[in-house]
Protein backbone atom coordinates (compact mmCIF):
# COMPACT_ATOMS: atom_id res chain seq x y z
CA MET A 1 0.96 -20.71 -10.81
CA HIS A 2 3.49 -19.72 -8.29
CA SER A 3 6.43 -20.99 -10.36
CA GLU A 4 8.26 -18.29 -12.48
CA PRO A 5 7.13 -18.39 -16.23
CA ARG A 6 9.81 -18.96 -18.68
CA SER A 7 8.31 -16.03 -20.75
CA GLY A 8 8.81 -13.98 -17.61
CA ARG A 9 12.29 -14.63 -17.45
CA LEU A 10 12.89 -14.10 -21.19
CA ALA A 11 10.96 -10.72 -21.27
CA ALA A 12 12.69 -9.47 -18.02
CA TRP A 13 16.28 -10.08 -18.92
CA GLY A 14 15.79 -9.52 -22.74
CA ASN A 15 14.55 -6.02 -21.75
CA ALA A 16 17.55 -5.53 -19.46
CA LEU A 17 19.81 -6.40 -22.25
CA LEU A 18 17.94 -4.41 -24.60
CA ALA A 19 18.50 -1.30 -22.40
CA GLY A 20 22.19 -2.12 -21.95
CA LEU A 21 21.88 -2.87 -18.13
CA VAL A 22 23.37 -6.46 -18.27
CA SER A 23 25.76 -8.42 -20.80
CA PRO A 24 24.35 -11.05 -23.22
CA ASP A 25 26.07 -13.94 -21.05
CA ASP A 26 24.39 -12.69 -17.94
CA ALA A 27 20.91 -12.34 -19.49
CA VAL A 28 21.21 -15.83 -21.07
CA LEU A 29 22.34 -17.53 -17.84
CA ALA A 30 19.18 -15.96 -16.16
CA ILE A 31 16.70 -16.68 -18.73
CA VAL A 32 17.90 -20.54 -19.14
CA GLY A 33 17.76 -20.70 -15.35
CA GLU A 34 17.57 -24.43 -14.28
CA ASP A 35 16.82 -25.78 -17.82
CA ALA A 36 19.70 -27.23 -19.67
CA VAL A 37 19.35 -25.24 -22.87
CA HIS A 38 17.21 -22.87 -24.81
CA ARG A 39 17.02 -22.41 -28.57
CA VAL A 40 14.96 -20.23 -30.83
CA GLU A 41 13.23 -21.50 -33.92
CA GLY A 42 11.76 -19.61 -36.94
CA LEU A 43 13.99 -16.25 -36.88
CA PRO A 44 13.85 -14.52 -40.13
CA GLY A 45 16.99 -15.44 -42.19
CA GLU A 46 17.82 -18.67 -39.99
CA GLU A 47 17.09 -21.96 -41.31
CA ALA A 48 18.01 -23.98 -38.15
CA PRO A 49 17.46 -23.29 -34.32
CA VAL A 50 19.92 -20.89 -32.79
CA GLY A 51 20.97 -20.10 -29.26
CA LEU A 52 19.68 -17.52 -27.22
CA THR A 53 22.71 -15.21 -27.59
CA LEU A 54 22.37 -14.98 -31.17
CA ALA A 55 18.58 -14.86 -31.27
CA LEU A 56 18.41 -11.83 -28.94
CA GLY A 57 20.99 -10.08 -30.91
CA ARG A 58 18.85 -10.70 -34.17
CA LEU A 59 16.03 -9.56 -32.72
CA ARG A 60 17.63 -6.24 -31.92
CA THR A 61 18.69 -5.83 -35.54
CA LEU A 62 15.17 -6.59 -36.58
CA GLY A 63 13.94 -3.66 -34.51
CA VAL A 64 12.74 -5.05 -31.34
CA SER A 65 12.96 -2.60 -28.58
CA GLY A 66 11.06 -4.27 -25.92
CA LEU A 67 9.59 -7.48 -24.80
CA ARG A 68 6.00 -8.04 -23.20
CA VAL A 69 4.67 -11.27 -21.52
CA ALA A 70 1.34 -12.97 -22.18
CA LEU A 71 -0.17 -15.41 -19.67
CA PRO A 72 -3.44 -16.49 -21.46
CA ALA A 73 -5.78 -19.17 -20.07
CA PRO A 74 -8.95 -20.73 -21.54
CA GLY A 75 -11.51 -17.84 -22.00
CA HIS A 76 -8.99 -15.37 -21.14
CA PRO A 77 -6.49 -14.29 -23.80
CA LEU A 78 -4.32 -12.19 -21.36
CA GLY A 79 -1.71 -10.17 -23.05
CA LEU A 80 -2.52 -11.50 -26.71
CA SER A 81 -3.36 -9.70 -29.68
CA GLY A 82 -3.57 -12.09 -32.35
CA PRO A 83 -3.62 -13.47 -35.03
CA PRO A 84 -5.68 -16.76 -34.17
CA ASP A 85 -2.70 -19.30 -35.07
CA PHE A 86 -0.50 -17.45 -32.71
CA ASN A 87 -3.14 -17.05 -29.95
CA ALA A 88 -3.77 -20.90 -30.12
CA ARG A 89 0.06 -21.62 -29.81
CA ALA A 90 0.39 -19.29 -26.74
CA LEU A 91 -2.75 -20.54 -25.01
CA GLU A 92 -1.67 -24.10 -25.32
CA ALA A 93 1.90 -23.21 -23.67
CA GLU A 94 0.01 -20.69 -21.27
CA GLU A 95 2.56 -18.32 -22.03
CA ALA A 96 4.21 -16.24 -24.73
CA VAL A 97 6.47 -13.31 -25.22
CA ILE A 98 5.48 -10.36 -27.61
CA CYS A 99 8.01 -8.12 -29.41
CA GLN A 100 7.58 -4.46 -29.39
CA GLY A 101 8.81 -2.78 -32.47
CA ALA A 102 8.41 -5.89 -34.60
CA ALA A 103 5.53 -7.96 -35.23
CA PHE A 104 7.00 -11.13 -33.73
CA GLY A 105 6.04 -13.29 -30.89
CA LEU A 106 7.86 -16.17 -29.18
CA VAL A 107 6.20 -19.42 -27.80
CA PRO A 108 8.04 -21.79 -25.48
CA GLU A 109 8.11 -25.65 -25.78
CA ALA A 110 9.60 -27.49 -23.52
CA TYR A 111 10.79 -31.34 -23.64
CA GLU A 112 12.41 -33.44 -21.30
CA ALA A 113 15.62 -35.17 -22.17
CA GLY A 114 18.57 -37.30 -20.49
CA PRO A 115 18.58 -40.86 -18.83
CA ALA A 116 16.63 -41.46 -15.83
CA GLY A 117 17.74 -39.91 -12.72
CA ASP A 118 19.52 -37.00 -14.76
CA VAL A 119 16.34 -35.74 -16.75
CA HIS A 120 16.55 -32.07 -17.74
CA ALA A 121 14.51 -29.53 -19.68
CA GLU A 122 15.51 -28.36 -23.02
CA VAL A 123 13.27 -25.44 -24.55
CA VAL A 124 12.56 -24.39 -28.06
CA TRP A 125 11.08 -20.80 -28.54
CA HIS A 126 9.07 -20.74 -31.82
CA VAL A 127 9.16 -17.34 -33.54
CA LEU A 128 5.73 -16.56 -35.13
CA PRO A 129 4.20 -13.45 -36.81
CA VAL A 130 1.88 -11.37 -34.42
CA ARG A 131 -0.57 -8.45 -35.11
CA GLU A 132 0.42 -5.16 -33.89
CA ALA A 133 -2.46 -4.28 -31.81
CA PRO A 134 -3.09 -3.52 -28.00
CA PRO A 135 -2.67 -6.67 -25.91
CA ALA A 136 -5.99 -7.93 -24.26
CA ASP A 137 -6.82 -7.31 -20.51
CA VAL A 138 -3.48 -5.92 -19.34
CA PRO A 139 -3.83 -3.58 -16.30
CA SER A 140 -1.61 -0.81 -15.20
CA LEU A 141 0.83 -1.51 -12.39
CA GLY A 142 -1.09 0.61 -9.96
CA GLU A 143 -4.38 -1.20 -10.95
CA ALA A 144 -2.73 -4.59 -10.53
CA GLU A 145 -1.46 -3.65 -7.10
CA ARG A 146 -4.94 -2.49 -5.82
CA GLU A 147 -6.60 -5.54 -7.33
CA LEU A 148 -4.05 -8.04 -5.60
CA ALA A 149 -4.50 -6.55 -2.17
CA GLU A 150 -8.15 -7.46 -2.54
CA ALA A 151 -7.59 -10.79 -4.33
CA LEU A 152 -5.19 -11.93 -1.23
CA ARG A 153 -7.83 -11.17 1.18
CA GLU A 154 -10.59 -13.06 -1.11
CA ALA A 155 -8.36 -15.99 -1.39
CA THR A 156 -7.65 -16.31 2.18
CA GLU A 157 -11.49 -15.97 3.16
CA VAL A 158 -12.52 -18.29 0.52
CA LEU A 159 -10.15 -21.07 1.62
CA ALA A 160 -10.79 -20.63 5.30
CA ARG A 161 -14.66 -20.76 4.75
CA LEU A 162 -14.42 -23.79 2.76
CA ASP A 163 -12.05 -25.44 5.19
CA VAL A 164 -9.51 -26.02 2.54
CA ALA A 165 -5.95 -27.14 3.61
CA GLY A 166 -4.14 -24.51 2.09
CA SER A 167 -5.48 -21.70 4.41
CA GLY A 168 -3.71 -22.54 7.70
CA PRO A 169 -0.28 -22.77 9.13
CA VAL A 170 0.76 -25.37 6.51
CA ALA A 171 0.08 -22.61 3.93
CA GLU A 172 2.17 -20.02 5.66
CA ALA A 173 5.08 -22.54 6.21
CA ALA A 174 5.09 -23.28 2.38
CA ILE A 175 5.03 -19.68 1.55
CA ASP A 176 8.05 -19.00 3.95
CA ALA A 177 9.77 -21.75 2.38
CA TYR A 178 8.96 -20.48 -1.10
CA ARG A 179 10.20 -17.02 -0.23
CA ALA A 180 13.50 -18.57 1.12
CA ARG A 181 14.10 -20.41 -2.25
CA ALA A 182 13.27 -17.56 -4.13
CA GLY A 183 15.71 -15.11 -2.24
CA ARG A 184 18.59 -17.51 -2.75
CA GLY A 185 20.83 -16.19 -5.47
CA ARG A 186 17.97 -14.96 -7.72
CA GLU A 187 16.52 -11.53 -8.36
CA VAL A 188 12.73 -11.25 -8.51
CA LEU A 189 13.07 -9.07 -11.67
CA ALA A 190 16.00 -8.15 -13.80
CA PRO A 191 17.81 -4.54 -13.58
CA GLY A 192 15.96 -1.66 -14.66
CA TYR A 193 12.62 -2.61 -13.10
CA PRO A 194 10.89 -0.25 -10.58
CA PRO A 195 10.41 -1.39 -6.99
CA ARG A 196 6.65 -1.37 -7.27
CA ALA A 197 6.91 -3.89 -10.17
CA VAL A 198 8.89 -5.94 -7.80
CA ARG A 199 6.48 -5.64 -5.02
CA VAL A 200 3.49 -6.56 -7.41
CA LEU A 201 5.16 -9.64 -8.75
CA GLU A 202 6.00 -10.97 -5.32
CA LEU A 203 2.58 -10.36 -4.13
CA ALA A 204 1.11 -12.12 -7.24
CA ARG A 205 3.22 -15.25 -6.62
CA ARG A 206 2.09 -15.21 -3.02
CA VAL A 207 -1.57 -15.30 -4.27
CA GLY A 208 -0.78 -17.84 -6.89
CA LEU A 209 0.87 -20.05 -4.26
CA LEU A 210 -2.09 -20.00 -2.14
CA ILE A 211 -4.25 -21.39 -4.99
CA THR A 212 -1.86 -23.91 -5.85
CA LEU A 213 -1.57 -25.17 -2.21
CA ALA A 214 -5.20 -25.56 -1.92
CA ALA A 215 -5.19 -27.71 -4.98
CA GLU A 216 -2.17 -29.91 -3.90
CA ASN A 217 -3.15 -30.21 -0.27
CA GLY A 218 -6.49 -31.85 -0.66
CA HIS A 219 -10.00 -30.65 -0.44
CA GLY A 220 -10.22 -30.15 3.32
CA GLY A 221 -13.89 -29.94 4.51
CA ALA A 222 -14.98 -29.51 0.85
CA VAL A 223 -16.03 -33.21 0.41
CA SER A 224 -18.90 -33.10 -1.83
CA ALA A 225 -18.61 -32.49 -5.62
CA SER A 226 -20.73 -29.18 -5.36
CA GLU A 227 -18.35 -27.92 -2.54
CA MET A 228 -15.38 -28.43 -4.72
CA GLY A 229 -16.91 -27.05 -7.69
CA ALA A 230 -18.03 -23.82 -5.61
CA ARG A 231 -14.45 -23.52 -4.33
CA THR A 232 -12.99 -23.67 -7.90
CA GLU A 233 -15.49 -21.07 -9.12
CA ALA A 234 -14.65 -18.80 -5.98
CA LEU A 235 -10.88 -18.92 -6.70
CA ARG A 236 -10.94 -18.39 -10.59
CA PRO A 237 -11.23 -14.71 -10.26
CA VAL A 238 -8.42 -14.77 -7.83
CA GLU A 239 -6.08 -16.70 -10.09
CA ARG A 240 -6.99 -14.29 -13.03
CA THR A 241 -6.09 -11.30 -10.80
CA ALA A 242 -2.85 -12.87 -10.03
CA ARG A 243 -1.92 -13.57 -13.81
CA ARG A 244 -3.01 -10.05 -14.52
CA ALA A 245 -0.66 -8.72 -12.05
CA GLN A 246 2.28 -10.86 -13.17
CA VAL A 247 1.86 -9.46 -16.65
CA ALA A 248 1.55 -5.97 -15.35
CA ALA A 249 4.81 -6.53 -13.70
CA TYR A 250 6.90 -7.97 -16.35
CA ASN A 251 5.55 -5.43 -18.85
CA SER A 252 5.96 -2.37 -16.78
CA VAL A 253 9.39 -1.40 -18.24
CA VAL A 254 8.11 -1.41 -21.82
CA GLU A 255 4.92 0.39 -20.79
CA GLY A 256 6.81 2.95 -18.84
CA ARG A 257 8.94 3.76 -21.91
CA GLY A 258 5.68 4.03 -24.07
CA ALA A 259 4.27 6.51 -21.57
CA GLY A 260 7.58 8.57 -21.58
CA ARG A 261 8.43 7.92 -18.09
């Protein structure tokens, strides 16, 4: 889960655009990232998919004043508020964007296209109706930061106790490499986000990377099925905390406006 979710890029740079802090071209360039193209399907008044620039402008005219992120997982509808059809689509994608000011949500669907050796991702955002209600299980930025500090300690202790390959120098080297890649030509968040949100998002990604490394680098000393199951169970709440923190960071601008800050 250490990779940046597409919903995070759309919400962050969409919020910066709605606030007048970036140009439409810069926002779209940042949202698309390394993908080939993004289109939006299902916008009211549009019979065919449209480009991101037109879609973001249309959402503004429909009354959208902010964008929130949802990162649900089985048994954890993080950031969702219904209805069931939208929640199911978001759960399948493991992410979604919820509009503030209009009852719409956007769920991404990625496709691989191109010949062998030149495969690229094309993304379609499906616009669907959502229920206007408080999102599920989203902490404040302060709560997320406190939870993450404890989660990072727990993740390190669990991996070390179970002798997992993601807990030692290999993990630290991978984290340093990830930080270097993240620091080259890409902002952690879009303009307008508070420094605390940047700090929380960076820490959430670090925790997520530790969990991913544990899965990718083998089982270490946890050779039995029961030991592997114990490791998975031990890390599940840590992974949930990291996802909650990501959502808190991406949504902090919208939540801050709502609180009058």
